[in-house]
All heavy atoms as atom14 arrays in JSON, in Angstrom:
{
  "sequence": "IMLALSSDWPRLMSEIHSSSLPRWKSYARKRIEDHIRNFTTIYE",
  "atom14_mask": [
    [1, 1, 1, 1, 1, 1, 1, 1, 0, 0, 0, 0, 0, 0],
    [1, 1, 1, 1, 1, 1, 1, 1, 0, 0, 0, 0, 0, 0],
    [1, 1, 1, 1, 1, 1, 1, 1, 0, 0, 0, 0, 0, 0],
    [1, 1, 1, 1, 1, 0, 0, 0, 0, 0, 0, 0, 0, 0],
    [1, 1, 1, 1, 1, 1, 1, 1, 0, 0, 0, 0, 0, 0],
    [1, 1, 1, 1, 1, 1, 0, 0, 0, 0, 0, 0, 0, 0],
    [1, 1, 1, 1, 1, 1, 0, 0, 0, 0, 0, 0, 0, 0],
    [1, 1, 1, 1, 1, 1, 1, 1, 0, 0, 0, 0, 0, 0],
    [1, 1, 1, 1, 1, 1, 1, 1, 1, 1, 1, 1, 1, 1],
    [1, 1, 1, 1, 1, 1, 1, 0, 0, 0, 0, 0, 0, 0],
    [1, 1, 1, 1, 1, 1, 1, 1, 1, 1, 1, 0, 0, 0],
    [1, 1, 1, 1, 1, 1, 1, 1, 0, 0, 0, 0, 0, 0],
    [1, 1, 1, 1, 1, 1, 1, 1, 0, 0, 0, 0, 0, 0],
    [1, 1, 1, 1, 1, 1, 0, 0, 0, 0, 0, 0, 0, 0],
    [1, 1, 1, 1, 1, 1, 1, 1, 1, 0, 0, 0, 0, 0],
    [1, 1, 1, 1, 1, 1, 1, 1, 0, 0, 0, 0, 0, 0],
    [1, 1, 1, 1, 1, 1, 1, 1, 1, 1, 0, 0, 0, 0],
    [1, 1, 1, 1, 1, 1, 0, 0, 0, 0, 0, 0, 0, 0],
    [1, 1, 1, 1, 1, 1, 0, 0, 0, 0, 0, 0, 0, 0],
    [1, 1, 1, 1, 1, 1, 0, 0, 0, 0, 0, 0, 0, 0],
    [1, 1, 1, 1, 1, 1, 1, 1, 0, 0, 0, 0, 0, 0],
    [1, 1, 1, 1, 1, 1, 1, 0, 0, 0, 0, 0, 0, 0],
    [1, 1, 1, 1, 1, 1, 1, 1, 1, 1, 1, 0, 0, 0],
    [1, 1, 1, 1, 1, 1, 1, 1, 1, 1, 1, 1, 1, 1],
    [1, 1, 1, 1, 1, 1, 1, 1, 1, 0, 0, 0, 0, 0],
    [1, 1, 1, 1, 1, 1, 0, 0, 0, 0, 0, 0, 0, 0],
    [1, 1, 1, 1, 1, 1, 1, 1, 1, 1, 1, 1, 0, 0],
    [1, 1, 1, 1, 1, 0, 0, 0, 0, 0, 0, 0, 0, 0],
    [1, 1, 1, 1, 1, 1, 1, 1, 1, 1, 1, 0, 0, 0],
    [1, 1, 1, 1, 1, 1, 1, 1, 1, 0, 0, 0, 0, 0],
    [1, 1, 1, 1, 1, 1, 1, 1, 1, 1, 1, 0, 0, 0],
    [1, 1, 1, 1, 1, 1, 1, 1, 0, 0, 0, 0, 0, 0],
    [1, 1, 1, 1, 1, 1, 1, 1, 1, 0, 0, 0, 0, 0],
    [1, 1, 1, 1, 1, 1, 1, 1, 0, 0, 0, 0, 0, 0],
    [1, 1, 1, 1, 1, 1, 1, 1, 1, 1, 0, 0, 0, 0],
    [1, 1, 1, 1, 1, 1, 1, 1, 0, 0, 0, 0, 0, 0],
    [1, 1, 1, 1, 1, 1, 1, 1, 1, 1, 1, 0, 0, 0],
    [1, 1, 1, 1, 1, 1, 1, 1, 0, 0, 0, 0, 0, 0],
    [1, 1, 1, 1, 1, 1, 1, 1, 1, 1, 1, 0, 0, 0],
    [1, 1, 1, 1, 1, 1, 1, 0, 0, 0, 0, 0, 0, 0],
    [1, 1, 1, 1, 1, 1, 1, 0, 0, 0, 0, 0, 0, 0],
    [1, 1, 1, 1, 1, 1, 1, 1, 0, 0, 0, 0, 0, 0],
    [1, 1, 1, 1, 1, 1, 1, 1, 1, 1, 1, 1, 0, 0],
    [1, 1, 1, 1, 1, 1, 1, 1, 1, 0, 0, 0, 0, 0]
  ],
  "atom14_positions": [
    [[166.54, -8.65, 279.18], [166.0, -7.68, 280.14], [165.53, -6.43, 279.39], [164.43, -5.91, 279.63], [167.06, -7.29, 281.19], [167.33, -8.45, 282.14], [166.61, -6.06, 281.98], [166.22, -8.73, 283.12], [0.0, 0.0, 0.0], [0.0, 0.0, 0.0], [0.0, 0.0, 0.0], [0.0, 0.0, 0.0], [0.0, 0.0, 0.0], [0.0, 0.0, 0.0]],
    [[166.38, -5.93, 278.49], [166.03, -4.71, 277.76], [164.78, -4.92, 276.9], [163.95, -4.02, 276.8], [167.21, -4.3, 276.87], [168.48, -3.95, 277.63], [168.25, -2.57, 278.8], [167.95, -1.22, 277.67], [0.0, 0.0, 0.0], [0.0, 0.0, 0.0], [0.0, 0.0, 0.0], [0.0, 0.0, 0.0], [0.0, 0.0, 0.0], [0.0, 0.0, 0.0]],
    [[164.66, -6.09, 276.31], [163.48, -6.38, 275.5], [162.22, -6.47, 276.36], [161.14, -6.01, 275.97], [163.69, -7.67, 274.73], [164.67, -7.56, 273.55], [165.08, -8.95, 273.06], [164.03, -6.77, 272.41], [0.0, 0.0, 0.0], [0.0, 0.0, 0.0], [0.0, 0.0, 0.0], [0.0, 0.0, 0.0], [0.0, 0.0, 0.0], [0.0, 0.0, 0.0]],
    [[162.35, -7.05, 277.54], [161.2, -7.14, 278.45], [160.77, -5.77, 278.95], [159.6, -5.56, 279.29], [161.54, -8.05, 279.63], [0.0, 0.0, 0.0], [0.0, 0.0, 0.0], [0.0, 0.0, 0.0], [0.0, 0.0, 0.0], [0.0, 0.0, 0.0], [0.0, 0.0, 0.0], [0.0, 0.0, 0.0], [0.0, 0.0, 0.0], [0.0, 0.0, 0.0]],
    [[161.71, -4.82, 278.99], [161.43, -3.49, 279.51], [160.7, -2.58, 278.53], [160.33, -1.47, 278.88], [162.74, -2.81, 279.92], [163.34, -3.22, 281.26], [164.74, -2.65, 281.41], [162.46, -2.76, 282.4], [0.0, 0.0, 0.0], [0.0, 0.0, 0.0], [0.0, 0.0, 0.0], [0.0, 0.0, 0.0], [0.0, 0.0, 0.0], [0.0, 0.0, 0.0]],
    [[160.5, -3.04, 277.31], [159.83, -2.2, 276.31], [158.48, -1.72, 276.84], [157.65, -2.52, 277.3], [159.63, -2.98, 275.01], [158.83, -2.24, 274.12], [0.0, 0.0, 0.0], [0.0, 0.0, 0.0], [0.0, 0.0, 0.0], [0.0, 0.0, 0.0], [0.0, 0.0, 0.0], [0.0, 0.0, 0.0], [0.0, 0.0, 0.0], [0.0, 0.0, 0.0]],
    [[158.25, -0.43, 276.75], [156.99, 0.13, 277.25], [155.81, -0.24, 276.36], [154.65, -0.03, 276.73], [157.09, 1.65, 277.35], [157.35, 2.22, 276.06], [0.0, 0.0, 0.0], [0.0, 0.0, 0.0], [0.0, 0.0, 0.0], [0.0, 0.0, 0.0], [0.0, 0.0, 0.0], [0.0, 0.0, 0.0], [0.0, 0.0, 0.0], [0.0, 0.0, 0.0]],
    [[156.1, -0.78, 275.17], [155.01, -1.18, 274.28], [154.16, -2.28, 274.88], [152.93, -2.29, 274.73], [155.57, -1.68, 272.95], [156.14, -0.56, 272.1], [155.74, 0.6, 272.33], [156.97, -0.83, 271.23], [0.0, 0.0, 0.0], [0.0, 0.0, 0.0], [0.0, 0.0, 0.0], [0.0, 0.0, 0.0], [0.0, 0.0, 0.0], [0.0, 0.0, 0.0]],
    [[154.79, -3.24, 275.56], [154.05, -4.4, 276.04], [152.98, -4.02, 277.07], [151.81, -4.42, 276.92], [155.01, -5.46, 276.61], [156.21, -5.75, 275.76], [157.49, -5.98, 276.18], [156.27, -5.88, 274.32], [158.34, -6.22, 275.12], [157.61, -6.16, 273.97], [155.32, -5.76, 273.31], [158.02, -6.34, 272.64], [155.73, -5.92, 271.98], [157.05, -6.21, 271.67]],
    [[153.3, -3.26, 278.13], [152.23, -2.86, 279.06], [151.13, -2.04, 278.39], [149.95, -2.2, 278.71], [152.97, -2.05, 280.13], [154.38, -2.53, 280.06], [154.63, -2.83, 278.62], [0.0, 0.0, 0.0], [0.0, 0.0, 0.0], [0.0, 0.0, 0.0], [0.0, 0.0, 0.0], [0.0, 0.0, 0.0], [0.0, 0.0, 0.0], [0.0, 0.0, 0.0]],
    [[151.53, -1.17, 277.46], [150.53, -0.34, 276.79], [149.56, -1.21, 275.97], [148.36, -0.96, 275.96], [151.21, 0.69, 275.88], [151.62, 1.95, 276.62], [151.73, 3.12, 275.67], [152.84, 2.97, 274.75], [154.02, 3.54, 274.91], [154.25, 4.29, 275.97], [154.98, 3.38, 274.03], [0.0, 0.0, 0.0], [0.0, 0.0, 0.0], [0.0, 0.0, 0.0]],
    [[150.12, -2.2, 275.27], [149.27, -3.06, 274.45], [148.34, -3.93, 275.3], [147.26, -4.32, 274.85], [150.13, -3.95, 273.55], [150.87, -3.24, 272.41], [151.77, -4.21, 271.69], [149.88, -2.61, 271.44], [0.0, 0.0, 0.0], [0.0, 0.0, 0.0], [0.0, 0.0, 0.0], [0.0, 0.0, 0.0], [0.0, 0.0, 0.0], [0.0, 0.0, 0.0]],
    [[148.79, -4.24, 276.51], [147.96, -5.05, 277.4], [146.96, -4.22, 278.19], [146.09, -4.78, 278.87], [148.85, -5.83, 278.38], [149.6, -6.97, 277.74], [150.4, -8.02, 278.96], [151.64, -6.92, 279.61], [0.0, 0.0, 0.0], [0.0, 0.0, 0.0], [0.0, 0.0, 0.0], [0.0, 0.0, 0.0], [0.0, 0.0, 0.0], [0.0, 0.0, 0.0]],
    [[147.07, -2.92, 278.15], [146.18, -2.07, 278.94], [144.74, -2.17, 278.43], [144.48, -2.58, 277.3], [146.64, -0.61, 278.88], [146.42, -0.08, 277.58], [0.0, 0.0, 0.0], [0.0, 0.0, 0.0], [0.0, 0.0, 0.0], [0.0, 0.0, 0.0], [0.0, 0.0, 0.0], [0.0, 0.0, 0.0], [0.0, 0.0, 0.0], [0.0, 0.0, 0.0]],
    [[143.82, -1.79, 279.28], [142.4, -1.87, 278.95], [142.06, -1.05, 277.71], [141.25, -1.44, 276.87], [141.57, -1.39, 280.14], [140.06, -1.41, 279.9], [139.52, -2.81, 279.64], [140.09, -3.78, 280.2], [138.55, -2.94, 278.87], [0.0, 0.0, 0.0], [0.0, 0.0, 0.0], [0.0, 0.0, 0.0], [0.0, 0.0, 0.0], [0.0, 0.0, 0.0]],
    [[142.71, 0.09, 277.55], [142.41, 1.0, 276.45], [142.72, 0.36, 275.11], [141.93, 0.42, 274.17], [143.2, 2.31, 276.61], [142.73, 3.03, 277.88], [143.02, 3.22, 275.4], [143.6, 4.18, 278.29], [0.0, 0.0, 0.0], [0.0, 0.0, 0.0], [0.0, 0.0, 0.0], [0.0, 0.0, 0.0], [0.0, 0.0, 0.0], [0.0, 0.0, 0.0]],
    [[143.9, -0.29, 275.01], [144.3, -0.89, 273.74], [143.66, -2.26, 273.52], [143.19, -2.55, 272.43], [145.82, -1.04, 273.68], [146.53, 0.25, 273.41], [146.43, 0.9, 272.21], [147.33, 1.0, 274.19], [147.15, 2.02, 272.25], [147.7, 2.1, 273.44], [0.0, 0.0, 0.0], [0.0, 0.0, 0.0], [0.0, 0.0, 0.0], [0.0, 0.0, 0.0]],
    [[143.65, -3.09, 274.54], [143.19, -4.46, 274.36], [141.71, -4.54, 274.01], [141.25, -5.5, 273.41], [143.48, -5.3, 275.6], [142.79, -4.77, 276.72], [0.0, 0.0, 0.0], [0.0, 0.0, 0.0], [0.0, 0.0, 0.0], [0.0, 0.0, 0.0], [0.0, 0.0, 0.0], [0.0, 0.0, 0.0], [0.0, 0.0, 0.0], [0.0, 0.0, 0.0]],
    [[140.94, -3.52, 274.4], [139.51, -3.54, 274.09], [139.27, -3.36, 272.6], [138.26, -3.82, 272.07], [138.79, -2.44, 274.88], [139.3, -1.17, 274.52], [0.0, 0.0, 0.0], [0.0, 0.0, 0.0], [0.0, 0.0, 0.0], [0.0, 0.0, 0.0], [0.0, 0.0, 0.0], [0.0, 0.0, 0.0], [0.0, 0.0, 0.0], [0.0, 0.0, 0.0]],
    [[140.2, -2.69, 271.9], [140.02, -2.45, 270.48], [140.6, -3.58, 269.63], [140.1, -3.88, 268.56], [140.66, -1.12, 270.07], [142.05, -1.13, 270.38], [0.0, 0.0, 0.0], [0.0, 0.0, 0.0], [0.0, 0.0, 0.0], [0.0, 0.0, 0.0], [0.0, 0.0, 0.0], [0.0, 0.0, 0.0], [0.0, 0.0, 0.0], [0.0, 0.0, 0.0]],
    [[141.65, -4.24, 270.09], [142.26, -5.33, 269.34], [142.86, -6.33, 270.32], [144.04, -6.23, 270.69], [143.34, -4.79, 268.39], [143.89, -5.76, 267.34], [142.76, -6.33, 266.51], [144.89, -5.06, 266.44], [0.0, 0.0, 0.0], [0.0, 0.0, 0.0], [0.0, 0.0, 0.0], [0.0, 0.0, 0.0], [0.0, 0.0, 0.0], [0.0, 0.0, 0.0]],
    [[142.06, -7.3, 270.79], [142.52, -8.25, 271.82], [143.79, -9.0, 271.45], [144.53, -9.44, 272.34], [141.32, -9.2, 271.95], [140.15, -8.38, 271.52], [140.65, -7.5, 270.43], [0.0, 0.0, 0.0], [0.0, 0.0, 0.0], [0.0, 0.0, 0.0], [0.0, 0.0, 0.0], [0.0, 0.0, 0.0], [0.0, 0.0, 0.0], [0.0, 0.0, 0.0]],
    [[144.05, -9.19, 270.15], [145.24, -9.92, 269.74], [146.52, -9.23, 270.22], [147.52, -9.87, 270.46], [145.27, -10.09, 268.22], [144.26, -11.1, 267.68], [144.42, -11.26, 266.19], [143.53, -12.28, 265.66], [143.52, -12.63, 264.38], [144.35, -12.05, 263.52], [142.7, -13.57, 263.96], [0.0, 0.0, 0.0], [0.0, 0.0, 0.0], [0.0, 0.0, 0.0]],
    [[146.46, -7.93, 270.29], [147.63, -7.19, 270.76], [147.98, -7.6, 272.19], [149.14, -7.72, 272.54], [147.36, -5.69, 270.7], [147.37, -5.12, 269.32], [147.43, -5.82, 268.14], [147.31, -3.75, 268.97], [147.41, -4.96, 267.08], [147.33, -3.67, 267.56], [147.22, -2.58, 269.7], [147.29, -2.47, 266.87], [147.17, -1.37, 269.02], [147.21, -1.31, 267.62]],
    [[146.95, -7.76, 272.99], [147.15, -8.1, 274.39], [147.86, -9.45, 274.52], [148.82, -9.6, 275.28], [145.8, -8.14, 275.12], [145.91, -8.48, 276.6], [144.54, -8.44, 277.26], [144.65, -8.79, 278.74], [143.34, -8.72, 279.42], [0.0, 0.0, 0.0], [0.0, 0.0, 0.0], [0.0, 0.0, 0.0], [0.0, 0.0, 0.0], [0.0, 0.0, 0.0]],
    [[147.39, -10.45, 273.78], [148.0, -11.78, 273.86], [149.43, -11.78, 273.31], [150.31, -12.45, 273.85], [147.15, -12.8, 273.11], [147.05, -12.46, 271.74], [0.0, 0.0, 0.0], [0.0, 0.0, 0.0], [0.0, 0.0, 0.0], [0.0, 0.0, 0.0], [0.0, 0.0, 0.0], [0.0, 0.0, 0.0], [0.0, 0.0, 0.0], [0.0, 0.0, 0.0]],
    [[149.66, -11.0, 272.26], [151.02, -10.92, 271.69], [151.98, -10.27, 272.69], [153.09, -10.76, 272.92], [151.0, -10.12, 270.39], [152.38, -9.91, 269.79], [153.0, -10.94, 269.07], [153.05, -8.71, 269.95], [154.26, -10.76, 268.52], [154.3, -8.52, 269.41], [154.9, -9.54, 268.7], [156.15, -9.36, 268.17], [0.0, 0.0, 0.0], [0.0, 0.0, 0.0]],
    [[151.55, -9.15, 273.29], [152.39, -8.43, 274.24], [152.7, -9.3, 275.46], [153.84, -9.33, 275.95], [151.72, -7.14, 274.68], [0.0, 0.0, 0.0], [0.0, 0.0, 0.0], [0.0, 0.0, 0.0], [0.0, 0.0, 0.0], [0.0, 0.0, 0.0], [0.0, 0.0, 0.0], [0.0, 0.0, 0.0], [0.0, 0.0, 0.0], [0.0, 0.0, 0.0]],
    [[151.7, -10.01, 275.95], [151.91, -10.89, 277.11], [152.93, -11.98, 276.77], [153.81, -12.28, 277.57], [150.58, -11.51, 277.53], [150.72, -12.38, 278.79], [149.41, -13.09, 279.14], [149.58, -13.83, 280.39], [149.21, -13.39, 281.58], [148.62, -12.21, 281.7], [149.41, -14.12, 282.66], [0.0, 0.0, 0.0], [0.0, 0.0, 0.0], [0.0, 0.0, 0.0]],
    [[152.8, -12.56, 275.58], [153.73, -13.61, 275.16], [155.16, -13.07, 275.07], [156.11, -13.74, 275.48], [153.3, -14.17, 273.8], [154.2, -15.31, 273.3], [153.69, -15.84, 271.97], [154.55, -17.03, 271.52], [155.97, -16.67, 271.33], [0.0, 0.0, 0.0], [0.0, 0.0, 0.0], [0.0, 0.0, 0.0], [0.0, 0.0, 0.0], [0.0, 0.0, 0.0]],
    [[155.32, -11.85, 274.57], [156.66, -11.28, 274.43], [157.31, -11.11, 275.81], [158.47, -11.47, 276.01], [156.6, -9.94, 273.7], [156.32, -10.06, 272.21], [157.42, -10.81, 271.47], [158.7, -10.17, 271.64], [159.17, -9.22, 270.81], [158.45, -8.82, 269.78], [160.36, -8.7, 271.01], [0.0, 0.0, 0.0], [0.0, 0.0, 0.0], [0.0, 0.0, 0.0]],
    [[156.59, -10.55, 276.77], [157.15, -10.36, 278.11], [157.48, -11.71, 278.74], [158.57, -11.89, 279.3], [156.18, -9.57, 279.0], [156.13, -8.11, 278.57], [156.6, -9.67, 280.47], [155.25, -7.24, 279.42], [0.0, 0.0, 0.0], [0.0, 0.0, 0.0], [0.0, 0.0, 0.0], [0.0, 0.0, 0.0], [0.0, 0.0, 0.0], [0.0, 0.0, 0.0]],
    [[156.55, -12.64, 278.66], [156.79, -13.96, 279.25], [157.99, -14.65, 278.62], [158.8, -15.28, 279.31], [155.54, -14.83, 279.11], [154.38, -14.37, 279.98], [153.13, -15.2, 279.76], [153.06, -15.91, 278.72], [152.23, -15.15, 280.62], [0.0, 0.0, 0.0], [0.0, 0.0, 0.0], [0.0, 0.0, 0.0], [0.0, 0.0, 0.0], [0.0, 0.0, 0.0]],
    [[158.13, -14.53, 277.29], [159.27, -15.15, 276.6], [160.59, -14.56, 277.06], [161.55, -15.29, 277.35], [159.13, -14.96, 275.08], [158.09, -15.89, 274.47], [157.62, -16.79, 275.19], [157.75, -15.69, 273.29], [0.0, 0.0, 0.0], [0.0, 0.0, 0.0], [0.0, 0.0, 0.0], [0.0, 0.0, 0.0], [0.0, 0.0, 0.0], [0.0, 0.0, 0.0]],
    [[160.67, -13.24, 277.14], [161.94, -12.59, 277.51], [162.3, -12.87, 278.97], [163.47, -13.1, 279.29], [161.87, -11.09, 277.24], [161.72, -10.77, 275.78], [162.56, -11.29, 274.81], [160.83, -9.97, 275.12], [162.19, -10.84, 273.63], [161.15, -10.03, 273.79], [0.0, 0.0, 0.0], [0.0, 0.0, 0.0], [0.0, 0.0, 0.0], [0.0, 0.0, 0.0]],
    [[161.31, -12.85, 279.85], [161.58, -13.17, 281.26], [162.0, -14.63, 281.39], [162.92, -14.96, 282.16], [160.35, -12.87, 282.13], [160.04, -11.37, 282.14], [160.58, -13.37, 283.56], [161.14, -10.5, 282.71], [0.0, 0.0, 0.0], [0.0, 0.0, 0.0], [0.0, 0.0, 0.0], [0.0, 0.0, 0.0], [0.0, 0.0, 0.0], [0.0, 0.0, 0.0]],
    [[161.35, -15.5, 280.65], [161.7, -16.93, 280.69], [163.12, -17.15, 280.15], [163.9, -17.92, 280.72], [160.7, -17.74, 279.88], [160.92, -19.26, 279.97], [159.93, -20.03, 279.13], [158.55, -19.76, 279.53], [157.68, -19.05, 278.8], [158.07, -18.53, 277.64], [156.46, -18.86, 279.22], [0.0, 0.0, 0.0], [0.0, 0.0, 0.0], [0.0, 0.0, 0.0]],
    [[163.44, -16.48, 279.06], [164.79, -16.61, 278.48], [165.84, -16.15, 279.48], [166.88, -16.8, 279.66], [164.89, -15.79, 277.2], [164.04, -16.34, 276.08], [163.67, -17.51, 276.09], [163.74, -15.51, 275.1], [0.0, 0.0, 0.0], [0.0, 0.0, 0.0], [0.0, 0.0, 0.0], [0.0, 0.0, 0.0], [0.0, 0.0, 0.0], [0.0, 0.0, 0.0]],
    [[165.57, -14.99, 280.12], [166.52, -14.48, 281.1], [166.68, -15.46, 282.26], [167.8, -15.74, 282.7], [166.07, -13.12, 281.65], [166.85, -12.71, 282.85], [168.13, -12.18, 282.73], [166.34, -12.92, 284.14], [168.87, -11.84, 283.85], [167.08, -12.58, 285.26], [168.35, -12.04, 285.12], [0.0, 0.0, 0.0], [0.0, 0.0, 0.0], [0.0, 0.0, 0.0]],
    [[165.57, -15.96, 282.77], [165.61, -16.86, 283.92], [166.39, -18.13, 283.6], [167.15, -18.64, 284.43], [164.19, -17.21, 284.39], [163.48, -15.99, 284.69], [164.22, -18.1, 285.62], [0.0, 0.0, 0.0], [0.0, 0.0, 0.0], [0.0, 0.0, 0.0], [0.0, 0.0, 0.0], [0.0, 0.0, 0.0], [0.0, 0.0, 0.0], [0.0, 0.0, 0.0]],
    [[166.22, -18.64, 282.38], [166.95, -19.84, 281.96], [168.45, -19.58, 281.97], [169.24, -20.41, 282.44], [166.49, -20.28, 280.56], [165.09, -20.56, 280.58], [167.25, -21.52, 280.11], [0.0, 0.0, 0.0], [0.0, 0.0, 0.0], [0.0, 0.0, 0.0], [0.0, 0.0, 0.0], [0.0, 0.0, 0.0], [0.0, 0.0, 0.0], [0.0, 0.0, 0.0]],
    [[168.86, -18.41, 281.46], [170.29, -18.06, 281.45], [170.79, -17.88, 282.87], [171.89, -18.35, 283.23], [170.53, -16.79, 280.62], [170.17, -17.03, 279.15], [171.98, -16.32, 280.74], [170.24, -15.79, 278.29], [0.0, 0.0, 0.0], [0.0, 0.0, 0.0], [0.0, 0.0, 0.0], [0.0, 0.0, 0.0], [0.0, 0.0, 0.0], [0.0, 0.0, 0.0]],
    [[170.0, -17.21, 283.69], [170.38, -16.97, 285.1], [170.63, -18.29, 285.82], [171.64, -18.46, 286.51], [169.27, -16.18, 285.79], [169.47, -16.0, 287.27], [170.31, -15.01, 287.77], [168.8, -16.83, 288.18], [170.48, -14.84, 289.14], [168.97, -16.66, 289.54], [169.81, -15.67, 290.02], [169.98, -15.51, 291.38], [0.0, 0.0, 0.0], [0.0, 0.0, 0.0]],
    [[169.72, -19.23, 285.66], [169.86, -20.52, 286.33], [171.01, -21.34, 285.74], [171.7, -22.08, 286.46], [168.55, -21.29, 286.24], [167.42, -20.64, 287.04], [166.09, -21.34, 286.87], [165.99, -22.2, 285.95], [165.15, -21.05, 287.64], [0.0, 0.0, 0.0], [0.0, 0.0, 0.0], [0.0, 0.0, 0.0], [0.0, 0.0, 0.0], [0.0, 0.0, 0.0]]
  ]
}
């Protein structure tokens, strides 16, 4: 949960950042999805 809450991920996915380096957007999205998926697996 704490890792998913990092403010870096939304910032990297924002229009301002992703327009300059699209790879950041895909990396940030993967990090959030991974942490939420990991949490959900433990929860279930």
